[in-house]
Protein backbone atom coordinates (compact mmCIF):
# COMPACT_ATOMS: atom_id res chain seq x y z
CA UNK A 1 142.22 23.67 -123.88
CA UNK A 2 140.33 21.24 -121.74
CA UNK A 3 137.09 22.44 -120.25
CA UNK A 4 137.12 23.16 -116.55
CA UNK A 5 134.18 21.84 -114.60
CA UNK A 6 133.33 22.46 -110.99
CA UNK A 7 133.61 19.44 -108.78
CA UNK A 8 130.58 18.61 -106.70
CA UNK A 9 130.85 19.44 -103.00
CA UNK A 10 132.15 16.61 -100.94
CA UNK A 11 129.91 14.89 -98.49
CA UNK A 12 130.90 14.87 -94.89
CA UNK A 13 130.05 16.33 -91.57
CA UNK A 14 128.90 19.50 -93.25
CA UNK A 15 126.03 17.70 -94.91
CA UNK A 16 125.52 15.71 -98.09
CA UNK A 17 125.26 18.88 -100.18
CA UNK A 18 128.18 20.64 -98.50
CA UNK A 19 126.13 23.72 -97.61
CA UNK A 20 128.19 24.21 -94.41
CA UNK A 21 131.59 23.57 -95.93
CA UNK A 22 134.13 26.13 -94.76
CA UNK A 23 132.14 27.27 -91.72
CA UNK A 24 135.04 26.75 -89.33
CA UNK A 25 137.40 28.75 -91.51
CA UNK A 26 134.93 31.61 -91.77
CA UNK A 27 134.41 31.62 -88.00
CA UNK A 28 138.14 32.05 -87.54
CA UNK A 29 138.23 34.81 -90.16
CA UNK A 30 135.36 36.72 -88.51
CA UNK A 31 136.95 36.40 -85.08
CA UNK A 32 140.20 37.70 -86.54
CA UNK A 33 138.45 40.76 -87.95
CA UNK A 34 136.59 41.46 -84.70
CA UNK A 35 139.41 40.64 -82.30
CA UNK A 36 139.15 44.20 -80.93
CA UNK A 37 135.55 45.13 -81.71
CA UNK A 38 133.87 42.28 -79.81
CA UNK A 39 135.95 42.65 -76.60
CA UNK A 40 135.33 46.40 -76.63
CA UNK A 41 131.57 45.84 -76.87
CA UNK A 42 131.57 43.22 -74.11
CA UNK A 43 133.85 45.07 -71.72
CA UNK A 44 132.14 48.40 -72.36
CA UNK A 45 128.68 47.06 -71.57
CA UNK A 46 129.91 45.04 -68.56
CA UNK A 47 131.98 47.81 -67.01
CA UNK A 48 129.19 50.38 -67.46
CA UNK A 49 126.73 48.05 -65.75
CA UNK A 50 129.16 47.24 -62.94
CA UNK A 51 129.97 50.92 -62.34
CA UNK A 52 126.27 51.72 -62.21
CA UNK A 53 125.68 48.92 -59.72
CA UNK A 54 128.58 50.09 -57.54
CA UNK A 55 127.36 53.69 -57.57
CA UNK A 56 123.91 52.59 -56.47
CA UNK A 57 125.32 51.42 -53.15
CA UNK A 58 127.17 54.66 -52.50
CA UNK A 59 124.32 56.89 -53.67
CA UNK A 60 121.44 55.09 -51.93
CA UNK A 61 123.07 53.75 -48.80
CA UNK A 62 119.94 53.75 -46.63
CA UNK A 63 116.63 51.94 -46.89
CA UNK A 64 114.82 55.28 -46.74
CA UNK A 65 116.76 56.56 -49.71
CA UNK A 66 116.00 53.45 -51.73
CA UNK A 67 112.30 53.68 -50.93
CA UNK A 68 112.30 57.30 -52.06
CA UNK A 69 113.78 56.14 -55.34
CA UNK A 70 111.09 53.44 -55.58
CA UNK A 71 108.45 56.17 -55.47
CA UNK A 72 110.07 57.81 -58.49
CA UNK A 73 110.19 54.54 -60.38
CA UNK A 74 106.49 53.97 -59.69
CA UNK A 75 105.51 57.05 -61.75
CA UNK A 76 104.59 57.60 -65.42
CA UNK A 77 108.09 58.86 -66.24
CA UNK A 78 109.79 56.04 -64.35
CA UNK A 79 107.61 53.35 -65.89
CA UNK A 80 108.03 54.74 -69.41
CA UNK A 81 111.81 54.89 -69.11
CA UNK A 82 112.55 51.86 -66.96
CA UNK A 83 109.76 49.30 -66.75
CA UNK A 84 106.81 48.11 -64.66
CA UNK A 85 108.68 48.02 -61.35
CA UNK A 86 109.17 44.89 -59.23
CA UNK A 87 110.05 44.65 -55.56
CA UNK A 88 109.18 48.28 -54.87
CA UNK A 89 107.90 47.49 -51.37
CA UNK A 90 111.43 46.52 -50.35
CA UNK A 91 113.60 48.32 -52.88
CA UNK A 92 116.95 46.55 -52.69
CA UNK A 93 120.04 47.13 -54.83
CA UNK A 94 119.16 44.06 -56.84
CA UNK A 95 115.65 45.35 -57.50
CA UNK A 96 117.17 48.66 -58.60
CA UNK A 97 119.34 46.86 -61.16
CA UNK A 98 116.36 44.84 -62.38
CA UNK A 99 114.04 47.81 -62.77
CA UNK A 100 116.28 50.64 -63.86
CA UNK A 101 119.32 49.10 -65.56
CA UNK A 102 118.41 45.79 -67.21
CA UNK A 103 116.11 47.27 -69.86
CA UNK A 104 118.63 49.87 -71.04
CA UNK A 105 121.54 47.43 -71.07
CA UNK A 106 119.40 45.07 -73.16
CA UNK A 107 119.05 47.80 -75.82
CA UNK A 108 122.83 48.08 -76.17
CA UNK A 109 123.17 44.30 -76.33
CA UNK A 110 120.58 44.25 -79.12
CA UNK A 111 122.49 46.98 -81.00
CA UNK A 112 125.73 45.06 -80.61
CA UNK A 113 124.14 41.92 -82.04
CA UNK A 114 122.56 43.69 -85.01
CA UNK A 115 125.66 45.66 -85.97
CA UNK A 116 128.04 42.72 -85.64
CA UNK A 117 125.85 40.34 -87.61
CA UNK A 118 125.16 42.86 -90.35
CA UNK A 119 128.90 43.61 -90.62
CA UNK A 120 129.72 39.97 -91.42
CA UNK A 121 126.82 39.22 -93.76
CA UNK A 122 124.95 41.86 -95.71
CA UNK A 123 127.77 44.43 -95.63
CA UNK A 124 130.17 41.84 -97.02
CA UNK A 125 127.77 41.03 -99.84
CA UNK A 126 127.20 44.69 -100.65
CA UNK A 127 130.97 45.29 -100.87
CA UNK A 128 131.40 42.28 -103.20
CA UNK A 129 133.73 40.40 -100.86
CA UNK A 130 131.20 37.67 -100.08
CA UNK A 131 131.07 36.69 -103.75
CA UNK A 132 134.84 36.18 -103.79
CA UNK A 133 134.65 34.05 -100.67
CA UNK A 134 131.79 31.99 -102.07
CA UNK A 135 133.85 31.35 -105.21
CA UNK A 136 136.10 29.22 -103.04
CA UNK A 137 135.21 25.98 -101.25
CA UNK A 138 132.50 27.56 -99.13
CA UNK A 139 128.97 26.24 -98.82
CA UNK A 140 125.83 28.30 -99.28
CA UNK A 141 124.97 28.39 -95.59
CA UNK A 142 128.53 28.73 -94.29
CA UNK A 143 128.59 32.58 -94.06
CA UNK A 144 125.34 32.94 -92.15
CA UNK A 145 126.18 29.96 -89.92
CA UNK A 146 129.59 31.40 -89.09
CA UNK A 147 128.05 34.81 -88.33
CA UNK A 148 125.48 33.20 -86.04
CA UNK A 149 128.23 31.31 -84.21
CA UNK A 150 130.42 34.39 -83.77
CA UNK A 151 127.68 36.83 -82.74
CA UNK A 152 125.87 34.22 -80.68
CA UNK A 153 129.15 33.35 -78.97
CA UNK A 154 129.71 37.04 -78.21
CA UNK A 155 126.32 37.18 -76.52
CA UNK A 156 127.04 34.07 -74.48
CA UNK A 157 130.43 35.48 -73.47
CA UNK A 158 128.78 38.76 -72.49
CA UNK A 159 126.25 36.94 -70.31
CA UNK A 160 128.99 34.88 -68.62
CA UNK A 161 131.24 37.89 -67.95
CA UNK A 162 128.28 39.93 -66.70
CA UNK A 163 127.37 37.10 -64.32
CA UNK A 164 130.89 36.96 -62.90
CA UNK A 165 131.13 40.76 -62.61
CA UNK A 166 127.83 41.25 -60.79
CA UNK A 167 127.97 38.06 -58.75
CA UNK A 168 131.45 38.91 -57.50
CA UNK A 169 130.69 42.58 -56.86
CA UNK A 170 129.83 41.95 -53.23
CA UNK A 171 126.83 44.26 -53.39
CA UNK A 172 124.08 43.39 -50.94
CA UNK A 173 121.13 41.45 -52.48
CA UNK A 174 123.00 41.11 -55.81
CA UNK A 175 123.13 37.33 -55.50
CA UNK A 176 124.86 34.76 -57.69
CA UNK A 177 121.58 33.12 -58.86
CA UNK A 178 120.16 36.53 -59.72
CA UNK A 179 123.38 37.54 -61.47
CA UNK A 180 123.24 34.37 -63.54
CA UNK A 181 119.68 35.21 -64.57
CA UNK A 182 120.69 38.83 -65.32
CA UNK A 183 123.43 37.62 -67.66
CA UNK A 184 121.16 34.99 -69.22
CA UNK A 185 118.49 37.63 -69.87
CA UNK A 186 120.96 39.78 -71.79
CA UNK A 187 122.14 36.74 -73.74
CA UNK A 188 118.56 35.82 -74.65
CA UNK A 189 117.83 39.36 -75.89
CA UNK A 190 121.05 39.36 -77.90
CA UNK A 191 120.30 36.00 -79.49
CA UNK A 192 116.80 37.12 -80.43
CA UNK A 193 117.98 40.24 -82.21
CA UNK A 194 120.80 38.29 -83.84
CA UNK A 195 118.08 36.15 -85.38
CA UNK A 196 116.15 39.28 -86.39
CA UNK A 197 119.27 40.60 -88.13
CA UNK A 198 119.67 37.24 -89.88
CA UNK A 199 116.21 37.66 -91.42
CA UNK A 200 116.57 41.33 -92.39
CA UNK A 201 119.91 40.53 -94.05
CA UNK A 202 117.99 38.40 -96.56
CA UNK A 203 115.42 41.03 -97.42
CA UNK A 204 117.44 43.88 -98.89
CA UNK A 205 120.68 44.09 -100.84
CA UNK A 206 121.94 47.07 -98.84
CA UNK A 207 123.70 46.77 -95.49
CA UNK A 208 122.28 50.02 -94.15
CA UNK A 209 118.78 48.91 -95.08
CA UNK A 210 119.17 45.58 -93.32
CA UNK A 211 120.61 47.23 -90.20
CA UNK A 212 117.91 49.89 -90.34
CA UNK A 213 115.10 47.33 -90.36
CA UNK A 214 116.66 45.42 -87.47
CA UNK A 215 117.22 48.70 -85.62
CA UNK A 216 113.57 49.60 -86.18
CA UNK A 217 112.67 46.27 -84.56
CA UNK A 218 114.65 47.33 -81.48
CA UNK A 219 112.76 50.61 -81.38
CA UNK A 220 109.43 48.83 -81.72
CA UNK A 221 110.39 46.45 -78.92
CA UNK A 222 111.22 49.36 -76.62
CA UNK A 223 108.02 51.22 -77.53
CA UNK A 224 105.87 48.13 -76.97
CA UNK A 225 107.52 47.63 -73.61
CA UNK A 226 106.94 51.26 -72.60
CA UNK A 227 103.31 51.41 -73.74
CA UNK A 228 102.54 48.00 -72.31
CA UNK A 229 104.03 48.78 -68.91
CA UNK A 230 102.14 52.06 -68.68
CA UNK A 231 98.93 50.25 -69.64
CA UNK A 232 97.71 46.82 -68.64
CA UNK A 233 100.96 45.04 -69.49
CA UNK A 234 99.67 43.03 -72.48
CA UNK A 235 101.83 44.77 -75.09
CA UNK A 236 104.93 44.19 -72.96
CA UNK A 237 104.65 40.47 -73.74
CA UNK A 238 105.20 41.29 -77.42
CA UNK A 239 108.63 42.75 -76.66
CA UNK A 240 111.84 40.77 -76.03
CA UNK A 241 112.93 43.58 -73.70
CA UNK A 242 109.69 43.01 -71.81
CA UNK A 243 110.50 39.30 -71.60
CA UNK A 244 113.88 40.05 -70.03
CA UNK A 245 112.27 42.32 -67.44
CA UNK A 246 109.53 39.76 -66.80
CA UNK A 247 112.17 37.49 -65.24
CA UNK A 248 111.97 39.76 -62.18
CA UNK A 249 115.66 39.20 -61.62
CA UNK A 250 116.89 39.69 -58.04
CA UNK A 251 113.25 39.76 -56.91
CA UNK A 252 111.51 36.52 -57.96
CA UNK A 253 114.15 35.07 -60.37
CA UNK A 254 111.78 33.63 -62.96
CA UNK A 255 113.54 31.81 -65.81
CA UNK A 256 110.60 30.81 -67.97
CA UNK A 257 110.11 34.16 -69.84
CA UNK A 258 113.48 33.61 -71.51
CA UNK A 259 112.07 30.56 -73.25
CA UNK A 260 109.98 32.89 -75.42
CA UNK A 261 113.10 34.64 -76.70
CA UNK A 262 114.97 31.41 -77.38
CA UNK A 263 112.09 29.65 -79.14
CA UNK A 264 111.31 32.63 -81.38
CA UNK A 265 115.02 33.16 -82.07
CA UNK A 266 115.30 29.57 -83.26
CA UNK A 267 112.24 30.04 -85.47
CA UNK A 268 113.68 33.22 -87.00
CA UNK A 269 117.00 31.48 -87.67
CA UNK A 270 115.13 28.71 -89.49
CA UNK A 271 113.34 31.35 -91.57
CA UNK A 272 116.65 33.05 -92.38
CA UNK A 273 118.21 29.78 -93.57
CA UNK A 274 115.18 29.14 -95.74
CA UNK A 275 115.36 32.61 -97.27
CA UNK A 276 119.05 32.25 -98.19
CA UNK A 277 118.10 29.56 -100.70
CA UNK A 278 115.63 31.89 -102.42
CA UNK A 279 118.03 34.63 -103.46
CA UNK A 280 121.35 35.13 -105.22
CA UNK A 281 124.53 36.30 -103.51
CA UNK A 282 124.48 40.08 -103.28
CA UNK A 283 120.75 40.31 -103.98
CA UNK A 284 117.82 40.66 -101.62
CA UNK A 285 114.34 39.22 -101.62
CA UNK A 286 113.00 42.77 -101.94
CA UNK A 287 114.15 43.77 -105.43
CA UNK A 288 115.13 47.42 -105.80
CA UNK A 289 112.56 49.53 -107.57
CA UNK A 290 113.62 50.29 -111.15
CA UNK A 291 114.46 53.93 -111.61
CA UNK A 292 113.65 56.22 -114.51
CA UNK A 293 115.52 55.84 -117.78
CA UNK A 294 117.10 59.26 -117.32
CA UNK A 295 118.35 60.59 -114.00
CA UNK A 296 117.17 63.94 -112.76
CA UNK A 297 119.75 66.74 -113.06
CA UNK A 298 119.70 67.17 -109.28
CA UNK A 299 121.19 63.68 -108.85
CA UNK A 300 124.28 64.88 -110.68
CA UNK A 301 125.17 67.15 -107.77
CA UNK A 302 126.87 66.05 -104.52
CA UNK A 303 123.85 67.16 -102.51
CA UNK A 304 121.41 65.32 -104.76
CA UNK A 305 123.49 62.15 -104.68
CA UNK A 306 123.77 62.24 -100.90
CA UNK A 307 120.04 62.87 -100.49
CA UNK A 308 119.24 59.95 -102.78
CA UNK A 309 121.47 57.65 -100.72
CA UNK A 310 120.02 58.85 -97.42
CA UNK A 311 116.34 59.35 -98.22
CA UNK A 312 115.10 55.93 -97.07
CA UNK A 313 116.88 56.16 -93.73
CA UNK A 314 115.67 59.74 -93.25
CA UNK A 315 112.08 58.70 -93.96
CA UNK A 316 112.14 55.77 -91.54
CA UNK A 317 113.79 57.81 -88.79
CA UNK A 318 111.28 60.63 -89.21
CA UNK A 319 108.29 58.33 -88.97
CA UNK A 320 109.73 56.32 -86.08
CA UNK A 321 110.69 59.34 -83.97
CA UNK A 322 107.34 61.04 -84.57
CA UNK A 323 105.61 57.86 -83.38
CA UNK A 324 107.91 57.51 -80.36
CA UNK A 325 107.29 61.13 -79.40
CA UNK A 326 103.55 60.57 -79.64
CA UNK A 327 103.79 57.50 -77.40
CA UNK A 328 105.43 59.45 -74.60
CA UNK A 329 103.42 62.62 -75.11
CA UNK A 330 100.17 60.69 -74.72
CA UNK A 331 100.92 60.07 -71.04
CA UNK A 332 101.49 63.73 -70.15
CA UNK A 333 97.97 64.04 -68.82
CA UNK A 334 98.54 61.32 -66.23
CA UNK A 335 101.48 63.00 -64.51
CA UNK A 336 99.44 65.10 -62.09
CA UNK A 337 97.28 62.17 -60.99
CA UNK A 338 100.29 59.90 -60.60
CA UNK A 339 102.03 62.26 -58.21
CA UNK A 340 98.98 63.08 -56.11
CA UNK A 341 99.98 63.54 -52.48
CA UNK A 342 103.32 61.71 -52.81
CA UNK A 343 105.76 64.01 -51.01
CA UNK A 344 108.81 62.21 -52.41
CA UNK A 345 107.62 62.74 -55.94
CA UNK A 346 106.90 66.39 -55.26
CA UNK A 347 110.38 66.92 -53.83
CA UNK A 348 111.92 65.32 -56.92
CA UNK A 349 109.96 67.33 -59.46
CA UNK A 350 110.91 70.52 -57.64
CA UNK A 351 114.50 69.86 -58.75
CA UNK A 352 113.41 69.98 -62.41
CA UNK A 353 113.15 73.26 -64.34
CA UNK A 354 109.68 74.79 -64.51
CA UNK A 355 106.69 75.04 -62.23
CA UNK A 356 104.19 72.96 -64.20
CA UNK A 357 104.39 69.18 -63.71
CA UNK A 358 103.39 68.47 -67.30
CA UNK A 359 106.09 70.76 -68.69
CA UNK A 360 108.68 69.13 -66.43
CA UNK A 361 107.69 65.67 -67.61
CA UNK A 362 107.81 66.73 -71.26
CA UNK A 363 111.20 68.37 -70.74
CA UNK A 364 112.67 65.08 -69.53
CA UNK A 365 111.04 63.22 -72.41
CA UNK A 366 112.40 65.68 -74.97
CA UNK A 367 115.96 65.35 -73.70
CA UNK A 368 115.78 61.59 -74.20
CA UNK A 369 114.27 61.90 -77.67
CA UNK A 370 117.02 64.34 -78.66
CA UNK A 371 119.79 61.91 -77.71
CA UNK A 372 118.11 59.25 -79.84
CA UNK A 373 117.95 61.67 -82.78
CA UNK A 374 121.73 62.09 -82.51
CA UNK A 375 122.04 58.43 -83.51
CA UNK A 376 120.56 59.31 -86.90
CA UNK A 377 123.14 62.06 -87.43
CA UNK A 378 126.04 59.71 -86.65
CA UNK A 379 124.68 56.97 -88.91
CA UNK A 380 124.10 59.42 -91.76
CA UNK A 381 127.65 60.74 -91.58
CA UNK A 382 129.10 57.23 -91.73
CA UNK A 383 127.80 56.92 -95.28
CA UNK A 384 130.73 58.88 -96.83
CA UNK A 385 133.12 56.39 -95.25
CA UNK A 386 131.18 53.52 -96.79
CA UNK A 387 131.26 55.22 -100.19
CA UNK A 388 135.00 55.73 -99.85
CA UNK A 389 135.90 52.19 -98.78
CA UNK A 390 133.53 50.77 -101.38
CA UNK A 391 135.45 52.56 -104.14
CA UNK A 392 132.46 54.66 -105.21
CA UNK A 393 133.78 57.99 -103.97
CA UNK A 394 136.92 57.95 -106.11
CA UNK A 395 135.14 58.11 -109.51
CA UNK A 396 133.03 61.04 -108.30
CA UNK A 397 136.05 62.93 -107.01
CA UNK A 398 137.89 62.23 -110.26
CA UNK A 399 135.26 64.35 -112.02
CA UNK A 400 134.69 68.06 -111.56
CA UNK A 401 133.67 67.62 -107.90
CA UNK A 402 135.86 68.87 -105.10
CA UNK A 403 136.31 66.93 -101.91
CA UNK A 404 134.73 69.72 -99.91
CA UNK A 405 131.59 69.78 -102.08
CA UNK A 406 131.27 66.00 -101.98
CA UNK A 407 131.56 65.72 -98.20
CA UNK A 408 129.49 68.88 -97.69
CA UNK A 409 126.62 67.24 -99.57
CA UNK A 410 126.49 64.37 -97.06
CA UNK A 411 126.99 66.83 -94.20
CA UNK A 412 124.08 69.00 -95.32
CA UNK A 413 121.76 66.00 -95.52
CA UNK A 414 122.82 64.79 -92.06
CA UNK A 415 122.47 68.18 -90.36
CA UNK A 416 119.22 69.18 -92.04
CA UNK A 417 117.87 65.65 -91.63
CA UNK A 418 118.63 65.66 -87.92
CA UNK A 419 116.68 68.91 -87.57
CA UNK A 420 113.75 67.34 -89.42
CA UNK A 421 113.85 64.24 -87.20
CA UNK A 422 114.03 66.42 -84.08
CA UNK A 423 111.15 68.60 -85.26
CA UNK A 424 108.92 65.63 -86.03
CA UNK A 425 109.67 63.95 -82.70
CA UNK A 426 108.72 67.18 -80.92
CA UNK A 427 105.64 67.57 -83.08
CA UNK A 428 104.52 64.01 -82.35
CA UNK A 429 104.98 64.55 -78.62
CA UNK A 430 103.25 67.94 -78.81
CA UNK A 431 100.19 66.67 -80.66
CA UNK A 432 99.72 63.71 -78.32
CA UNK A 433 100.35 65.83 -75.21
CA UNK A 434 97.96 68.53 -76.40
CA UNK A 435 95.14 66.00 -76.70
CA UNK A 436 96.12 64.38 -73.40
CA UNK A 437 96.09 67.55 -71.27
CA UNK A 438 93.84 69.72 -73.45
CA UNK A 439 96.46 72.42 -74.00
CA UNK A 440 96.80 73.54 -77.63
CA UNK A 441 99.88 75.60 -76.74
CA UNK A 442 101.92 72.39 -76.68
CA UNK A 443 101.45 72.11 -80.45
CA UNK A 444 104.19 74.69 -80.96
CA UNK A 445 106.08 74.70 -77.65
CA UNK A 446 107.15 71.05 -78.02
CA UNK A 447 108.56 71.44 -81.56
CA UNK A 448 110.40 74.52 -80.29
CA UNK A 449 111.76 72.47 -77.38
CA UNK A 450 112.98 69.87 -79.85
CA UNK A 451 114.72 72.42 -82.07
CA UNK A 452 116.64 73.75 -79.07
CA UNK A 453 118.59 70.47 -79.07
CA UNK A 454 119.71 70.85 -82.71
CA UNK A 455 123.13 72.38 -81.80
CA UNK A 456 123.81 69.50 -79.38
CA UNK A 457 123.03 66.99 -82.13
CA UNK A 458 125.27 68.96 -84.48
CA UNK A 459 128.14 68.65 -82.00
CA UNK A 460 127.81 64.86 -82.19
CA UNK A 461 127.78 65.16 -85.99
CA UNK A 462 130.83 67.43 -85.87
CA UNK A 463 132.78 64.82 -83.93
CA UNK A 464 132.05 62.30 -86.70
CA UNK A 465 133.20 64.70 -89.42
CA UNK A 466 136.38 65.59 -87.52
CA UNK A 467 137.24 61.93 -87.02
CA UNK A 468 136.46 61.17 -90.68
CA UNK A 469 138.97 63.76 -91.79
CA UNK A 470 141.67 63.09 -89.20
CA UNK A 471 141.40 59.36 -88.44
CA UNK A 472 138.64 57.63 -90.46
CA UNK A 473 139.32 54.25 -88.87
CA UNK A 474 138.51 55.77 -85.47
CA UNK A 475 135.06 57.06 -86.47
CA UNK A 476 133.47 54.60 -84.07
CA UNK A 477 134.69 56.76 -81.19
CA UNK A 478 131.92 59.24 -82.05
CA UNK A 479 129.43 56.84 -80.49
CA UNK A 480 130.91 57.74 -77.10
CA UNK A 481 129.16 61.11 -77.33
CA UNK A 482 125.71 59.53 -77.65
CA UNK A 483 126.37 56.70 -75.21
CA UNK A 484 127.58 59.12 -72.56
CA UNK A 485 124.60 61.40 -73.18
CA UNK A 486 122.19 58.47 -72.76
CA UNK A 487 123.92 57.41 -69.54
CA UNK A 488 123.81 60.92 -68.09
CA UNK A 489 120.21 61.52 -69.17
CA UNK A 490 119.00 58.15 -67.93
CA UNK A 491 121.08 57.56 -64.81
CA UNK A 492 122.12 61.10 -63.88
CA UNK A 493 119.23 61.53 -61.48
CA UNK A 494 119.44 57.94 -60.26
CA UNK A 495 123.13 58.16 -59.37
CA UNK A 496 123.09 61.88 -58.52
CA UNK A 497 125.92 62.75 -60.89
CA UNK A 498 127.73 66.01 -60.10
CA UNK A 499 127.13 68.97 -62.35
CA UNK A 500 130.49 68.68 -64.08
CA UNK A 501 129.60 65.20 -65.35
CA UNK A 502 126.35 66.49 -66.84
CA UNK A 503 128.25 69.38 -68.41
CA UNK A 504 130.53 66.98 -70.29
CA UNK A 505 127.55 66.06 -72.46
CA UNK A 506 126.49 68.62 -75.08
CA UNK A 507 122.88 67.77 -74.29
CA UNK A 508 123.39 68.83 -70.66
CA UNK A 509 123.77 72.47 -71.70
CA UNK A 510 120.44 72.73 -73.52
CA UNK A 511 117.56 74.20 -71.46
CA UNK A 512 114.86 71.59 -70.86
CA UNK A 513 111.97 73.30 -72.58
CA UNK A 514 109.04 73.80 -72.21
CA UNK A 515 109.53 73.88 -68.43
CA UNK A 516 112.77 75.88 -68.42
CA UNK A 517 113.44 79.35 -69.75
CA UNK A 518 115.23 79.59 -73.08
CA UNK A 519 118.93 80.50 -72.71
CA UNK A 520 120.74 81.43 -75.92
CA UNK A 521 124.43 81.56 -74.85
CA UNK A 522 124.89 77.77 -74.41
CA UNK A 523 123.03 77.10 -77.67
CA UNK A 524 125.26 79.54 -79.55
CA UNK A 525 128.39 78.06 -77.97
CA UNK A 526 127.35 74.54 -78.99
CA UNK A 527 126.74 75.77 -82.54
CA UNK A 528 130.22 77.32 -82.64
CA UNK A 529 131.79 74.08 -81.37
CA UNK A 530 129.95 72.08 -84.02
CA UNK A 531 131.10 74.50 -86.73
CA UNK A 532 134.72 74.25 -85.55
CA UNK A 533 134.63 70.44 -85.59
CA UNK A 534 133.15 70.43 -89.10
CA UNK A 535 135.82 72.87 -90.30
CA UNK A 536 138.56 70.65 -88.89
CA UNK A 537 137.09 67.60 -90.58
CA UNK A 538 136.70 69.27 -93.97
CA UNK A 539 140.24 70.65 -93.87
CA UNK A 540 141.73 67.30 -92.87
CA UNK A 541 139.76 65.42 -95.54
CA UNK A 542 141.17 67.69 -98.25
CA UNK A 543 144.70 66.74 -97.25
CA UNK A 544 144.54 62.99 -96.70
CA UNK A 545 144.50 60.13 -99.19
CA UNK A 546 141.42 58.07 -99.92
CA UNK A 547 141.43 54.58 -98.47
CA UNK A 548 139.69 51.38 -99.52
CA UNK A 549 139.57 49.73 -96.11
């Protein structure tokens, strides 16, 4: 039999070494896979922003009402959540969008970019599909180039649609030039974090690890922005979210801060291309640590296996949330001075539970931290789906392991891990707040306040488990619980949502400790709902077939 030799790549427009051969085909393939996912992301972000902008006009119809809102923005809580505040002397609808909406929308754009890029690169390599594709006439740099084109194009499309939506909204002071800059700012943030994801995809051989590192970069960017804005503003210039807000859209319309995001994004893309030549397909530049010659007996159990798969993510989330809690808790001592004789601020804080201003501030902070902790629970419970589609669950279930025990192992890690993340976020906030205000009682009241949100987080986890058992392909719908909770927590006061809208979120039923009084009935009801959702998911999983896609 004649020997078969591989023909050298043909020269052409893809380069003399053919490293970009097949890029166009892969772009089409990625667009085919994400024909629903990308439009849902773009329309969801755009419609949420447009609805928020429309509600601003109906909620704050007078100049006096807008100026009252400006006083709230120019406070420690407002600055930490939203940003430094521009145009507060004449607080228009455009200035409201710039100060209180742009930063949060940028976070979702960054998440979209990271998740989409990781889906088409590192996840494909981890599943072994990238190796099959590369065995065909596909150049070394074709996959990453195609992913950059698709995700970058999604960000450009988002910016264009956002511009048209806001510019054509007819809202006073929401001008076309400002709307163009608003859309361009979101595009710049998305492109930057696409480049970040391109680099992290080269570092580890695991998709969750790559997405986790890029997600940590988003968290660091938000924390730098918050700390910088509450300080002298220097740290804000280290954050791409801070760059977007530095455009002062609808107020001064400065374009030059976006150049920072674009230049650094281009540099990160160049680094990512360089790193692809230094590793094999399926491998990462950070080699996995060799394990012991003999596995521990605990790893032979479903719980031990799940804990081993989840331990890195649990560690990173615990450290990150403890640090984020400490960042916000450190500013608790400045609340009293910030309010001073401001009557508007005093009227607003009177609507919050509790009589002490510090406790009220910390109650709002804790509700936000709890919604972020729910993201960990959802991500942790998506691991069983990855094990199933990757073909690794079937061999385990073929042994003396029941489906219930296997899924319960992942469930136990997610539920207990979410409690640990909550506890550490409350402990971080409590320690920092105790030093800030000189009240040692916060060392245990803040962790207790965090634990009160555990049933609400478990409800979000229960939705994931129920969807996994009933309709595993629809597990992404579980994100609606967290997204809605973030919207209600962040914009509920801004848009004066009615009580029934707040009650739709499981986090809206939890008393905002330490300012409020503890109420057990809603906590017990949330726990029962979470248990019912888990029971439905476990029962449905026992009855359905395993799937590989």
